[in-house]
Protein backbone atom coordinates (compact mmCIF):
# COMPACT_ATOMS: atom_id res chain seq x y z
CA UNK A 1 0.00 0.00 0.00
CA UNK A 2 0.94 3.66 -0.03
CA UNK A 3 -0.02 5.25 3.28
CA UNK A 4 2.38 8.18 3.43
CA UNK A 5 4.09 10.42 0.87
CA UNK A 6 5.73 13.82 0.56
CA UNK A 7 5.55 16.76 -1.84
CA UNK A 8 8.20 19.37 -1.14
CA UNK A 9 8.73 20.84 -4.60
CA UNK A 10 5.30 21.63 -6.04
CA UNK A 11 6.79 24.48 -8.05
CA UNK A 12 8.99 22.07 -10.02
CA UNK A 13 6.06 19.69 -10.50
CA UNK A 14 3.98 22.56 -11.90
CA UNK A 15 6.77 23.53 -14.29
CA UNK A 16 7.29 19.98 -15.57
CA UNK A 17 3.59 19.25 -16.03
CA UNK A 18 2.26 22.58 -17.33
CA UNK A 19 0.15 23.25 -14.24
CA UNK A 20 -0.54 26.75 -12.96
CA UNK A 21 0.25 27.45 -9.33
CA UNK A 22 -2.34 30.24 -9.31
CA UNK A 23 -3.16 31.53 -5.86
CA UNK A 24 -2.37 28.24 -4.16
CA UNK A 25 0.57 28.78 -1.86
CA UNK A 26 2.14 25.41 -1.25
CA UNK A 27 3.93 24.63 1.95
CA UNK A 28 6.42 21.79 1.95
CA UNK A 29 4.67 18.55 2.98
CA UNK A 30 7.07 15.95 4.32
CA UNK A 31 4.51 13.54 5.73
CA UNK A 32 1.17 13.58 3.93
CA UNK A 33 -1.23 11.21 5.70
CA UNK A 34 -4.65 9.72 4.90
CA UNK A 35 -7.68 12.01 5.52
CA UNK A 36 -5.51 15.11 4.98
CA UNK A 37 -6.23 17.57 2.19
CA UNK A 38 -3.75 17.64 -0.70
CA UNK A 39 -3.38 19.65 -3.91
CA UNK A 40 -3.71 17.30 -6.89
CA UNK A 41 -4.46 17.61 -10.63
CA UNK A 42 -7.90 16.50 -11.86
CA UNK A 43 -8.86 15.40 -15.37
CA UNK A 44 -11.53 18.11 -15.49
CA UNK A 45 -8.94 20.85 -14.85
CA UNK A 46 -5.54 19.48 -15.98
CA UNK A 47 -3.71 22.82 -15.85
CA UNK A 48 -4.45 23.76 -12.25
CA UNK A 49 -4.32 22.29 -8.77
CA UNK A 50 -7.43 21.25 -6.84
CA UNK A 51 -7.50 20.51 -3.13
CA UNK A 52 -9.03 17.12 -2.24
CA UNK A 53 -9.05 14.83 0.79
CA UNK A 54 -7.07 11.60 0.70
CA UNK A 55 -9.36 8.58 1.10
CA UNK A 56 -11.94 8.06 -1.64
CA UNK A 57 -15.64 8.10 -0.74
CA UNK A 58 -17.75 6.42 -3.46
CA UNK A 59 -20.83 8.29 -4.63
CA UNK A 60 -23.07 5.56 -3.16
CA UNK A 61 -21.53 5.63 0.35
CA UNK A 62 -23.87 6.40 3.26
CA UNK A 63 -21.13 8.06 5.33
CA UNK A 64 -17.40 8.78 5.34
CA UNK A 65 -16.28 5.62 7.14
CA UNK A 66 -15.33 3.83 3.91
CA UNK A 67 -12.65 6.44 3.15
CA UNK A 68 -10.15 4.74 5.46
CA UNK A 69 -10.41 1.59 3.34
CA UNK A 70 -10.02 3.49 0.07
CA UNK A 71 -6.75 5.40 0.38
CA UNK A 72 -5.39 2.96 -2.22
CA UNK A 73 -6.92 1.10 -5.17
CA UNK A 74 -5.30 -2.13 -6.35
CA UNK A 75 -4.47 -2.12 -10.06
CA UNK A 76 -5.69 -5.70 -10.44
CA UNK A 77 -9.28 -4.82 -9.49
CA UNK A 78 -9.57 -1.07 -10.04
CA UNK A 79 -11.79 -1.49 -13.10
CA UNK A 80 -14.24 -3.88 -11.44
CA UNK A 81 -14.37 -3.06 -7.72
CA UNK A 82 -17.55 -1.04 -6.98
CA UNK A 83 -15.72 1.64 -5.01
CA UNK A 84 -13.38 2.48 -7.90
CA UNK A 85 -14.68 1.26 -11.27
CA UNK A 86 -16.67 4.37 -12.20
CA UNK A 87 -13.91 6.73 -11.11
CA UNK A 88 -11.37 4.68 -13.08
CA UNK A 89 -13.39 5.20 -16.25
CA UNK A 90 -14.45 8.81 -15.68
CA UNK A 91 -12.50 10.60 -12.93
CA UNK A 92 -8.73 10.20 -12.96
CA UNK A 93 -6.09 12.44 -11.43
CA UNK A 94 -2.39 13.01 -10.88
CA UNK A 95 -1.12 13.08 -7.30
CA UNK A 96 2.11 15.11 -7.09
CA UNK A 97 4.89 13.68 -4.95
CA UNK A 98 8.65 13.63 -4.66
CA UNK A 99 8.86 10.65 -2.34
CA UNK A 100 6.82 8.03 -0.54
CA UNK A 101 7.30 5.83 2.49
CA UNK A 102 7.00 2.08 3.02
CA UNK A 103 7.68 -0.09 6.04
CA UNK A 104 9.81 -3.25 5.95
CA UNK A 105 8.94 -5.98 8.46
CA UNK A 106 12.27 -6.61 10.22
CA UNK A 107 10.92 -8.81 13.04
CA UNK A 108 7.50 -10.01 14.21
CA UNK A 109 7.10 -6.80 16.21
CA UNK A 110 9.18 -4.19 14.40
CA UNK A 111 9.09 -2.40 11.04
CA UNK A 112 11.72 -0.17 9.44
CA UNK A 113 10.43 2.80 7.38
CA UNK A 114 12.10 3.71 4.10
CA UNK A 115 12.06 6.87 2.02
CA UNK A 116 11.63 6.01 -1.68
CA UNK A 117 11.86 8.34 -4.68
CA UNK A 118 13.57 8.99 -7.99
CA UNK A 119 17.36 9.07 -8.20
CA UNK A 120 17.04 12.39 -10.03
CA UNK A 121 15.28 13.94 -7.05
CA UNK A 122 12.57 15.33 -9.34
CA UNK A 123 8.91 15.26 -8.35
CA UNK A 124 6.68 12.73 -10.06
CA UNK A 125 3.00 11.80 -10.34
CA UNK A 126 1.06 8.93 -8.81
CA UNK A 127 -1.85 7.57 -10.84
CA UNK A 128 -4.97 8.48 -8.90
CA UNK A 129 -8.76 8.41 -8.96
CA UNK A 130 -11.15 10.95 -7.52
CA UNK A 131 -14.80 11.14 -6.61
CA UNK A 132 -17.41 13.72 -5.64
CA UNK A 133 -19.71 12.68 -2.79
CA UNK A 134 -22.61 14.59 -1.27
CA UNK A 135 -22.99 14.36 2.49
CA UNK A 136 -26.63 13.29 3.06
CA UNK A 137 -26.82 15.28 6.30
CA UNK A 138 -25.15 18.56 5.40
CA UNK A 139 -25.60 18.43 1.58
CA UNK A 140 -21.95 19.44 1.37
CA UNK A 141 -19.95 18.26 -1.65
CA UNK A 142 -16.88 16.31 -0.52
CA UNK A 143 -14.15 15.59 -3.08
CA UNK A 144 -11.75 12.76 -2.30
CA UNK A 145 -9.06 10.71 -4.04
CA UNK A 146 -7.24 7.39 -3.97
CA UNK A 147 -3.77 6.32 -5.16
CA UNK A 148 -3.48 3.22 -7.35
CA UNK A 149 -0.95 0.58 -6.28
CA UNK A 150 0.78 -2.19 -8.20
CA UNK A 151 3.29 -4.97 -7.62
CA UNK A 152 6.75 -3.89 -6.42
CA UNK A 153 9.84 -3.51 -8.56
CA UNK A 154 13.24 -4.99 -7.70
CA UNK A 155 14.10 -2.06 -5.43
CA UNK A 156 10.92 -1.95 -3.38
CA UNK A 157 10.17 -5.70 -3.23
CA UNK A 158 12.47 -6.31 -0.21
CA UNK A 159 10.63 -3.51 1.62
CA UNK A 160 6.95 -4.07 0.79
CA UNK A 161 4.77 -6.20 -1.46
CA UNK A 162 3.03 -3.18 -3.08
CA UNK A 163 4.13 0.17 -4.48
CA UNK A 164 2.19 3.16 -5.84
CA UNK A 165 1.86 3.51 -9.61
CA UNK A 166 4.21 6.25 -10.80
CA UNK A 167 3.30 7.57 -14.24
CA UNK A 168 6.20 8.48 -16.55
CA UNK A 169 5.99 11.91 -18.15
CA UNK A 170 4.70 10.66 -21.51
CA UNK A 171 1.67 8.98 -19.90
CA UNK A 172 0.46 11.73 -17.59
CA UNK A 173 -1.58 13.74 -20.09
CA UNK A 174 -3.03 10.55 -21.56
CA UNK A 175 -4.08 9.44 -18.06
CA UNK A 176 -6.14 12.61 -17.71
CA UNK A 177 -7.78 12.48 -21.13
CA UNK A 178 -11.49 11.53 -21.11
CA UNK A 179 -12.77 8.51 -23.00
CA UNK A 180 -9.52 6.56 -23.07
CA UNK A 181 -9.73 2.80 -23.55
CA UNK A 182 -9.82 0.90 -20.26
CA UNK A 183 -7.29 -1.70 -21.40
CA UNK A 184 -4.90 1.05 -22.48
CA UNK A 185 -5.20 2.68 -19.08
CA UNK A 186 -4.66 -0.61 -17.27
CA UNK A 187 -1.44 -1.10 -19.24
CA UNK A 188 -0.07 1.99 -17.45
CA UNK A 189 -0.47 0.40 -14.01
CA UNK A 190 2.94 -1.25 -13.78
CA UNK A 191 5.96 -0.90 -11.47
CA UNK A 192 8.24 2.05 -12.20
CA UNK A 193 11.75 1.06 -13.41
CA UNK A 194 13.83 0.18 -10.35
CA UNK A 195 17.06 1.49 -11.88
CA UNK A 196 15.61 5.02 -11.84
CA UNK A 197 14.72 4.92 -8.15
CA UNK A 198 16.50 4.97 -4.78
CA UNK A 199 15.52 4.05 -1.22
CA UNK A 200 17.05 4.44 2.23
CA UNK A 201 16.04 3.85 5.84
CA UNK A 202 14.64 6.73 7.88
CA UNK A 203 13.45 7.41 11.42
CA UNK A 204 10.23 5.91 12.77
CA UNK A 205 9.05 9.51 13.35
CA UNK A 206 7.35 9.24 9.94
CA UNK A 207 4.78 6.95 11.53
CA UNK A 208 3.13 9.86 13.33
CA UNK A 209 1.21 12.45 11.27
CA UNK A 210 2.12 15.13 13.83
CA UNK A 211 5.69 15.12 12.51
CA UNK A 212 5.94 16.97 9.19
CA UNK A 213 9.43 18.38 8.76
CA UNK A 214 12.69 17.79 6.90
CA UNK A 215 14.04 15.51 9.62
CA UNK A 216 11.52 12.93 8.42
CA UNK A 217 13.66 12.13 5.37
CA UNK A 218 17.08 12.23 7.06
CA UNK A 219 18.83 8.90 6.34
CA UNK A 220 19.72 6.60 9.20
CA UNK A 221 23.50 6.35 9.29
CA UNK A 222 23.38 2.89 10.83
CA UNK A 223 21.33 1.46 7.95
CA UNK A 224 22.76 0.74 4.51
CA UNK A 225 20.81 2.41 1.73
CA UNK A 226 19.14 0.34 -1.00
CA UNK A 227 20.72 1.78 -4.14
C-alpha atoms as a PDB file:
ATOM      1  CA  UNK A   1       0.000   0.000   0.000  1.00  0.00           C
ATOM      2  CA  UNK A   2       0.942   3.657  -0.028  1.00  0.00           C
ATOM      3  CA  UNK A   3      -0.023   5.248   3.276  1.00  0.00           C
ATOM      4  CA  UNK A   4       2.378   8.178   3.435  1.00  0.00           C
ATOM      5  CA  UNK A   5       4.092  10.417   0.875  1.00  0.00           C
ATOM      6  CA  UNK A   6       5.732  13.815   0.560  1.00  0.00           C
ATOM      7  CA  UNK A   7       5.549  16.755  -1.842  1.00  0.00           C
ATOM      8  CA  UNK A   8       8.195  19.371  -1.136  1.00  0.00           C
ATOM      9  CA  UNK A   9       8.726  20.835  -4.604  1.00  0.00           C
ATOM     10  CA  UNK A  10       5.300  21.633  -6.044  1.00  0.00           C
ATOM     11  CA  UNK A  11       6.790  24.475  -8.053  1.00  0.00           C
ATOM     12  CA  UNK A  12       8.991  22.073 -10.022  1.00  0.00           C
ATOM     13  CA  UNK A  13       6.061  19.687 -10.505  1.00  0.00           C
ATOM     14  CA  UNK A  14       3.980  22.557 -11.896  1.00  0.00           C
ATOM     15  CA  UNK A  15       6.771  23.528 -14.291  1.00  0.00           C
ATOM     16  CA  UNK A  16       7.292  19.977 -15.569  1.00  0.00           C
ATOM     17  CA  UNK A  17       3.587  19.253 -16.026  1.00  0.00           C
ATOM     18  CA  UNK A  18       2.258  22.576 -17.330  1.00  0.00           C
ATOM     19  CA  UNK A  19       0.151  23.247 -14.239  1.00  0.00           C
ATOM     20  CA  UNK A  20      -0.541  26.748 -12.955  1.00  0.00           C
ATOM     21  CA  UNK A  21       0.254  27.454  -9.334  1.00  0.00           C
ATOM     22  CA  UNK A  22      -2.336  30.245  -9.308  1.00  0.00           C
ATOM     23  CA  UNK A  23      -3.158  31.532  -5.858  1.00  0.00           C
ATOM     24  CA  UNK A  24      -2.369  28.236  -4.162  1.00  0.00           C
ATOM     25  CA  UNK A  25       0.567  28.780  -1.857  1.00  0.00           C
ATOM     26  CA  UNK A  26       2.137  25.409  -1.251  1.00  0.00           C
ATOM     27  CA  UNK A  27       3.934  24.626   1.947  1.00  0.00           C
ATOM     28  CA  UNK A  28       6.420  21.787   1.951  1.00  0.00           C
ATOM     29  CA  UNK A  29       4.672  18.554   2.977  1.00  0.00           C
ATOM     30  CA  UNK A  30       7.072  15.950   4.322  1.00  0.00           C
ATOM     31  CA  UNK A  31       4.510  13.536   5.731  1.00  0.00           C
ATOM     32  CA  UNK A  32       1.167  13.584   3.929  1.00  0.00           C
ATOM     33  CA  UNK A  33      -1.229  11.207   5.699  1.00  0.00           C
ATOM     34  CA  UNK A  34      -4.653   9.716   4.905  1.00  0.00           C
ATOM     35  CA  UNK A  35      -7.685  12.006   5.517  1.00  0.00           C
ATOM     36  CA  UNK A  36      -5.514  15.109   4.983  1.00  0.00           C
ATOM     37  CA  UNK A  37      -6.225  17.570   2.188  1.00  0.00           C
ATOM     38  CA  UNK A  38      -3.751  17.636  -0.700  1.00  0.00           C
ATOM     39  CA  UNK A  39      -3.378  19.649  -3.915  1.00  0.00           C
ATOM     40  CA  UNK A  40      -3.710  17.302  -6.891  1.00  0.00           C
ATOM     41  CA  UNK A  41      -4.465  17.608 -10.633  1.00  0.00           C
ATOM     42  CA  UNK A  42      -7.901  16.496 -11.863  1.00  0.00           C
ATOM     43  CA  UNK A  43      -8.858  15.400 -15.369  1.00  0.00           C
ATOM     44  CA  UNK A  44     -11.534  18.107 -15.495  1.00  0.00           C
ATOM     45  CA  UNK A  45      -8.937  20.847 -14.848  1.00  0.00           C
ATOM     46  CA  UNK A  46      -5.539  19.485 -15.982  1.00  0.00           C
ATOM     47  CA  UNK A  47      -3.710  22.821 -15.846  1.00  0.00           C
ATOM     48  CA  UNK A  48      -4.447  23.763 -12.247  1.00  0.00           C
ATOM     49  CA  UNK A  49      -4.322  22.289  -8.772  1.00  0.00           C
ATOM     50  CA  UNK A  50      -7.429  21.247  -6.845  1.00  0.00           C
ATOM     51  CA  UNK A  51      -7.500  20.506  -3.132  1.00  0.00           C
ATOM     52  CA  UNK A  52      -9.032  17.119  -2.240  1.00  0.00           C
ATOM     53  CA  UNK A  53      -9.053  14.834   0.787  1.00  0.00           C
ATOM     54  CA  UNK A  54      -7.072  11.595   0.700  1.00  0.00           C
ATOM     55  CA  UNK A  55      -9.359   8.583   1.097  1.00  0.00           C
ATOM     56  CA  UNK A  56     -11.944   8.055  -1.638  1.00  0.00           C
ATOM     57  CA  UNK A  57     -15.643   8.098  -0.744  1.00  0.00           C
ATOM     58  CA  UNK A  58     -17.751   6.419  -3.464  1.00  0.00           C
ATOM     59  CA  UNK A  59     -20.832   8.290  -4.627  1.00  0.00           C
ATOM     60  CA  UNK A  60     -23.073   5.561  -3.159  1.00  0.00           C
ATOM     61  CA  UNK A  61     -21.526   5.634   0.346  1.00  0.00           C
ATOM     62  CA  UNK A  62     -23.870   6.395   3.262  1.00  0.00           C
ATOM     63  CA  UNK A  63     -21.133   8.057   5.331  1.00  0.00           C
ATOM     64  CA  UNK A  64     -17.400   8.784   5.344  1.00  0.00           C
ATOM     65  CA  UNK A  65     -16.279   5.618   7.136  1.00  0.00           C
ATOM     66  CA  UNK A  66     -15.333   3.835   3.910  1.00  0.00           C
ATOM     67  CA  UNK A  67     -12.649   6.440   3.151  1.00  0.00           C
ATOM     68  CA  UNK A  68     -10.147   4.742   5.460  1.00  0.00           C
ATOM     69  CA  UNK A  69     -10.408   1.585   3.341  1.00  0.00           C
ATOM     70  CA  UNK A  70     -10.018   3.491   0.074  1.00  0.00           C
ATOM     71  CA  UNK A  71      -6.752   5.395   0.383  1.00  0.00           C
ATOM     72  CA  UNK A  72      -5.391   2.959  -2.216  1.00  0.00           C
ATOM     73  CA  UNK A  73      -6.915   1.101  -5.167  1.00  0.00           C
ATOM     74  CA  UNK A  74      -5.296  -2.131  -6.346  1.00  0.00           C
ATOM     75  CA  UNK A  75      -4.474  -2.121 -10.058  1.00  0.00           C
ATOM     76  CA  UNK A  76      -5.694  -5.704 -10.439  1.00  0.00           C
ATOM     77  CA  UNK A  77      -9.280  -4.825  -9.488  1.00  0.00           C
ATOM     78  CA  UNK A  78      -9.567  -1.070 -10.040  1.00  0.00           C
ATOM     79  CA  UNK A  79     -11.791  -1.488 -13.099  1.00  0.00           C
ATOM     80  CA  UNK A  80     -14.245  -3.884 -11.435  1.00  0.00           C
ATOM     81  CA  UNK A  81     -14.365  -3.057  -7.718  1.00  0.00           C
ATOM     82  CA  UNK A  82     -17.552  -1.045  -6.977  1.00  0.00           C
ATOM     83  CA  UNK A  83     -15.716   1.639  -5.009  1.00  0.00           C
ATOM     84  CA  UNK A  84     -13.384   2.475  -7.900  1.00  0.00           C
ATOM     85  CA  UNK A  85     -14.679   1.255 -11.274  1.00  0.00           C
ATOM     86  CA  UNK A  86     -16.666   4.367 -12.205  1.00  0.00           C
ATOM     87  CA  UNK A  87     -13.906   6.728 -11.110  1.00  0.00           C
ATOM     88  CA  UNK A  88     -11.369   4.678 -13.084  1.00  0.00           C
ATOM     89  CA  UNK A  89     -13.386   5.200 -16.250  1.00  0.00           C
ATOM     90  CA  UNK A  90     -14.446   8.808 -15.685  1.00  0.00           C
ATOM     91  CA  UNK A  91     -12.496  10.598 -12.934  1.00  0.00           C
ATOM     92  CA  UNK A  92      -8.732  10.202 -12.961  1.00  0.00           C
ATOM     93  CA  UNK A  93      -6.088  12.441 -11.426  1.00  0.00           C
ATOM     94  CA  UNK A  94      -2.387  13.009 -10.877  1.00  0.00           C
ATOM     95  CA  UNK A  95      -1.121  13.079  -7.302  1.00  0.00           C
ATOM     96  CA  UNK A  96       2.112  15.113  -7.091  1.00  0.00           C
ATOM     97  CA  UNK A  97       4.895  13.679  -4.951  1.00  0.00           C
ATOM     98  CA  UNK A  98       8.654  13.634  -4.662  1.00  0.00           C
ATOM     99  CA  UNK A  99       8.861  10.646  -2.344  1.00  0.00           C
ATOM    100  CA  UNK A 100       6.816   8.030  -0.537  1.00  0.00           C
ATOM    101  CA  UNK A 101       7.298   5.831   2.494  1.00  0.00           C
ATOM    102  CA  UNK A 102       7.000   2.080   3.017  1.00  0.00           C
ATOM    103  CA  UNK A 103       7.676  -0.093   6.043  1.00  0.00           C
ATOM    104  CA  UNK A 104       9.812  -3.250   5.953  1.00  0.00           C
ATOM    105  CA  UNK A 105       8.942  -5.981   8.462  1.00  0.00           C
ATOM    106  CA  UNK A 106      12.266  -6.613  10.219  1.00  0.00           C
ATOM    107  CA  UNK A 107      10.920  -8.809  13.038  1.00  0.00           C
ATOM    108  CA  UNK A 108       7.502 -10.010  14.212  1.00  0.00           C
ATOM    109  CA  UNK A 109       7.104  -6.800  16.215  1.00  0.00           C
ATOM    110  CA  UNK A 110       9.183  -4.185  14.396  1.00  0.00           C
ATOM    111  CA  UNK A 111       9.090  -2.402  11.043  1.00  0.00           C
ATOM    112  CA  UNK A 112      11.715  -0.168   9.444  1.00  0.00           C
ATOM    113  CA  UNK A 113      10.426   2.799   7.377  1.00  0.00           C
ATOM    114  CA  UNK A 114      12.096   3.711   4.095  1.00  0.00           C
ATOM    115  CA  UNK A 115      12.064   6.868   2.019  1.00  0.00           C
ATOM    116  CA  UNK A 116      11.629   6.014  -1.682  1.00  0.00           C
ATOM    117  CA  UNK A 117      11.859   8.337  -4.676  1.00  0.00           C
ATOM    118  CA  UNK A 118      13.573   8.993  -7.992  1.00  0.00           C
ATOM    119  CA  UNK A 119      17.356   9.068  -8.203  1.00  0.00           C
ATOM    120  CA  UNK A 120      17.038  12.389 -10.028  1.00  0.00           C
ATOM    121  CA  UNK A 121      15.281  13.941  -7.053  1.00  0.00           C
ATOM    122  CA  UNK A 122      12.574  15.333  -9.336  1.00  0.00           C
ATOM    123  CA  UNK A 123       8.910  15.262  -8.346  1.00  0.00           C
ATOM    124  CA  UNK A 124       6.678  12.725 -10.059  1.00  0.00           C
ATOM    125  CA  UNK A 125       2.996  11.802 -10.342  1.00  0.00           C
ATOM    126  CA  UNK A 126       1.062   8.929  -8.811  1.00  0.00           C
ATOM    127  CA  UNK A 127      -1.847   7.567 -10.839  1.00  0.00           C
ATOM    128  CA  UNK A 128      -4.971   8.482  -8.902  1.00  0.00           C
ATOM    129  CA  UNK A 129      -8.759   8.406  -8.960  1.00  0.00           C
ATOM    130  CA  UNK A 130     -11.145  10.951  -7.521  1.00  0.00           C
ATOM    131  CA  UNK A 131     -14.797  11.141  -6.610  1.00  0.00           C
ATOM    132  CA  UNK A 132     -17.411  13.717  -5.641  1.00  0.00           C
ATOM    133  CA  UNK A 133     -19.714  12.684  -2.786  1.00  0.00           C
ATOM    134  CA  UNK A 134     -22.612  14.588  -1.271  1.00  0.00           C
ATOM    135  CA  UNK A 135     -22.991  14.364   2.487  1.00  0.00           C
ATOM    136  CA  UNK A 136     -26.631  13.288   3.064  1.00  0.00           C
ATOM    137  CA  UNK A 137     -26.825  15.281   6.303  1.00  0.00           C
ATOM    138  CA  UNK A 138     -25.146  18.561   5.399  1.00  0.00           C
ATOM    139  CA  UNK A 139     -25.598  18.426   1.582  1.00  0.00           C
ATOM    140  CA  UNK A 140     -21.949  19.443   1.367  1.00  0.00           C
ATOM    141  CA  UNK A 141     -19.949  18.259  -1.646  1.00  0.00           C
ATOM    142  CA  UNK A 142     -16.881  16.311  -0.523  1.00  0.00           C
ATOM    143  CA  UNK A 143     -14.150  15.586  -3.079  1.00  0.00           C
ATOM    144  CA  UNK A 144     -11.752  12.764  -2.305  1.00  0.00           C
ATOM    145  CA  UNK A 145      -9.064  10.710  -4.039  1.00  0.00           C
ATOM    146  CA  UNK A 146      -7.239   7.391  -3.969  1.00  0.00           C
ATOM    147  CA  UNK A 147      -3.768   6.324  -5.155  1.00  0.00           C
ATOM    148  CA  UNK A 148      -3.480   3.223  -7.345  1.00  0.00           C
ATOM    149  CA  UNK A 149      -0.951   0.581  -6.277  1.00  0.00           C
ATOM    150  CA  UNK A 150       0.775  -2.190  -8.205  1.00  0.00           C
ATOM    151  CA  UNK A 151       3.295  -4.973  -7.623  1.00  0.00           C
ATOM    152  CA  UNK A 152       6.746  -3.891  -6.416  1.00  0.00           C
ATOM    153  CA  UNK A 153       9.840  -3.507  -8.561  1.00  0.00           C
ATOM    154  CA  UNK A 154      13.241  -4.993  -7.698  1.00  0.00           C
ATOM    155  CA  UNK A 155      14.101  -2.057  -5.431  1.00  0.00           C
ATOM    156  CA  UNK A 156      10.919  -1.946  -3.385  1.00  0.00           C
ATOM    157  CA  UNK A 157      10.172  -5.701  -3.226  1.00  0.00           C
ATOM    158  CA  UNK A 158      12.471  -6.307  -0.205  1.00  0.00           C
ATOM    159  CA  UNK A 159      10.632  -3.506   1.620  1.00  0.00           C
ATOM    160  CA  UNK A 160       6.951  -4.071   0.795  1.00  0.00           C
ATOM    161  CA  UNK A 161       4.766  -6.196  -1.459  1.00  0.00           C
ATOM    162  CA  UNK A 162       3.032  -3.183  -3.084  1.00  0.00           C
ATOM    163  CA  UNK A 163       4.125   0.166  -4.482  1.00  0.00           C
ATOM    164  CA  UNK A 164       2.191   3.163  -5.838  1.00  0.00           C
ATOM    165  CA  UNK A 165       1.861   3.513  -9.609  1.00  0.00           C
ATOM    166  CA  UNK A 166       4.212   6.255 -10.801  1.00  0.00           C
ATOM    167  CA  UNK A 167       3.304   7.569 -14.237  1.00  0.00           C
ATOM    168  CA  UNK A 168       6.196   8.480 -16.554  1.00  0.00           C
ATOM    169  CA  UNK A 169       5.992  11.910 -18.153  1.00  0.00           C
ATOM    170  CA  UNK A 170       4.698  10.659 -21.511  1.00  0.00           C
ATOM    171  CA  UNK A 171       1.670   8.983 -19.903  1.00  0.00           C
ATOM    172  CA  UNK A 172       0.464  11.730 -17.589  1.00  0.00           C
ATOM    173  CA  UNK A 173      -1.582  13.741 -20.092  1.00  0.00           C
ATOM    174  CA  UNK A 174      -3.032  10.550 -21.563  1.00  0.00           C
ATOM    175  CA  UNK A 175      -4.075   9.443 -18.063  1.00  0.00           C
ATOM    176  CA  UNK A 176      -6.143  12.607 -17.710  1.00  0.00           C
ATOM    177  CA  UNK A 177      -7.781  12.483 -21.135  1.00  0.00           C
ATOM    178  CA  UNK A 178     -11.489  11.526 -21.114  1.00  0.00           C
ATOM    179  CA  UNK A 179     -12.768   8.511 -22.996  1.00  0.00           C
ATOM    180  CA  UNK A 180      -9.517   6.559 -23.069  1.00  0.00           C
ATOM    181  CA  UNK A 181      -9.725   2.798 -23.551  1.00  0.00           C
ATOM    182  CA  UNK A 182      -9.821   0.900 -20.257  1.00  0.00           C
ATOM    183  CA  UNK A 183      -7.294  -1.697 -21.402  1.00  0.00           C
ATOM    184  CA  UNK A 184      -4.897   1.046 -22.478  1.00  0.00           C
ATOM    185  CA  UNK A 185      -5.195   2.685 -19.080  1.00  0.00           C
ATOM    186  CA  UNK A 186      -4.661  -0.606 -17.274  1.00  0.00           C
ATOM    187  CA  UNK A 187      -1.437  -1.096 -19.238  1.00  0.00           C
ATOM    188  CA  UNK A 188      -0.073   1.992 -17.455  1.00  0.00           C
ATOM    189  CA  UNK A 189      -0.473   0.396 -14.013  1.00  0.00           C
ATOM    190  CA  UNK A 190       2.942  -1.248 -13.783  1.00  0.00           C
ATOM    191  CA  UNK A 191       5.962  -0.899 -11.475  1.00  0.00           C
ATOM    192  CA  UNK A 192       8.240   2.053 -12.203  1.00  0.00           C
ATOM    193  CA  UNK A 193      11.752   1.061 -13.406  1.00  0.00           C
ATOM    194  CA  UNK A 194      13.826   0.178 -10.354  1.00  0.00           C
ATOM    195  CA  UNK A 195      17.057   1.492 -11.877  1.00  0.00           C
ATOM    196  CA  UNK A 196      15.611   5.019 -11.835  1.00  0.00           C
ATOM    197  CA  UNK A 197      14.722   4.916  -8.147  1.00  0.00           C
ATOM    198  CA  UNK A 198      16.496   4.965  -4.780  1.00  0.00           C
ATOM    199  CA  UNK A 199      15.525   4.054  -1.216  1.00  0.00           C
ATOM    200  CA  UNK A 200      17.051   4.442   2.227  1.00  0.00           C
ATOM    201  CA  UNK A 201      16.044   3.851   5.836  1.00  0.00           C
ATOM    202  CA  UNK A 202      14.637   6.733   7.880  1.00  0.00           C
ATOM    203  CA  UNK A 203      13.445   7.411  11.415  1.00  0.00           C
ATOM    204  CA  UNK A 204      10.230   5.911  12.772  1.00  0.00           C
ATOM    205  CA  UNK A 205       9.048   9.510  13.348  1.00  0.00           C
ATOM    206  CA  UNK A 206       7.351   9.245   9.944  1.00  0.00           C
ATOM    207  CA  UNK A 207       4.782   6.953  11.527  1.00  0.00           C
ATOM    208  CA  UNK A 208       3.128   9.859  13.334  1.00  0.00           C
ATOM    209  CA  UNK A 209       1.209  12.454  11.270  1.00  0.00           C
ATOM    210  CA  UNK A 210       2.116  15.127  13.828  1.00  0.00           C
ATOM    211  CA  UNK A 211       5.689  15.119  12.506  1.00  0.00           C
ATOM    212  CA  UNK A 212       5.940  16.974   9.191  1.00  0.00           C
ATOM    213  CA  UNK A 213       9.434  18.380   8.763  1.00  0.00           C
ATOM    214  CA  UNK A 214      12.693  17.794   6.896  1.00  0.00           C
ATOM    215  CA  UNK A 215      14.038  15.509   9.615  1.00  0.00           C
ATOM    216  CA  UNK A 216      11.517  12.932   8.421  1.00  0.00           C
ATOM    217  CA  UNK A 217      13.656  12.126   5.374  1.00  0.00           C
ATOM    218  CA  UNK A 218      17.080  12.234   7.059  1.00  0.00           C
ATOM    219  CA  UNK A 219      18.830   8.898   6.338  1.00  0.00           C
ATOM    220  CA  UNK A 220      19.724   6.604   9.205  1.00  0.00           C
ATOM    221  CA  UNK A 221      23.502   6.352   9.294  1.00  0.00           C
ATOM    222  CA  UNK A 222      23.378   2.887  10.827  1.00  0.00           C
ATOM    223  CA  UNK A 223      21.330   1.456   7.947  1.00  0.00           C
ATOM    224  CA  UNK A 224      22.759   0.740   4.507  1.00  0.00           C
ATOM    225  CA  UNK A 225      20.808   2.406   1.725  1.00  0.00           C
ATOM    226  CA  UNK A 226      19.140   0.344  -1.001  1.00  0.00           C
ATOM    227  CA  UNK A 227      20.722   1.777  -4.142  1.00  0.00           C
END
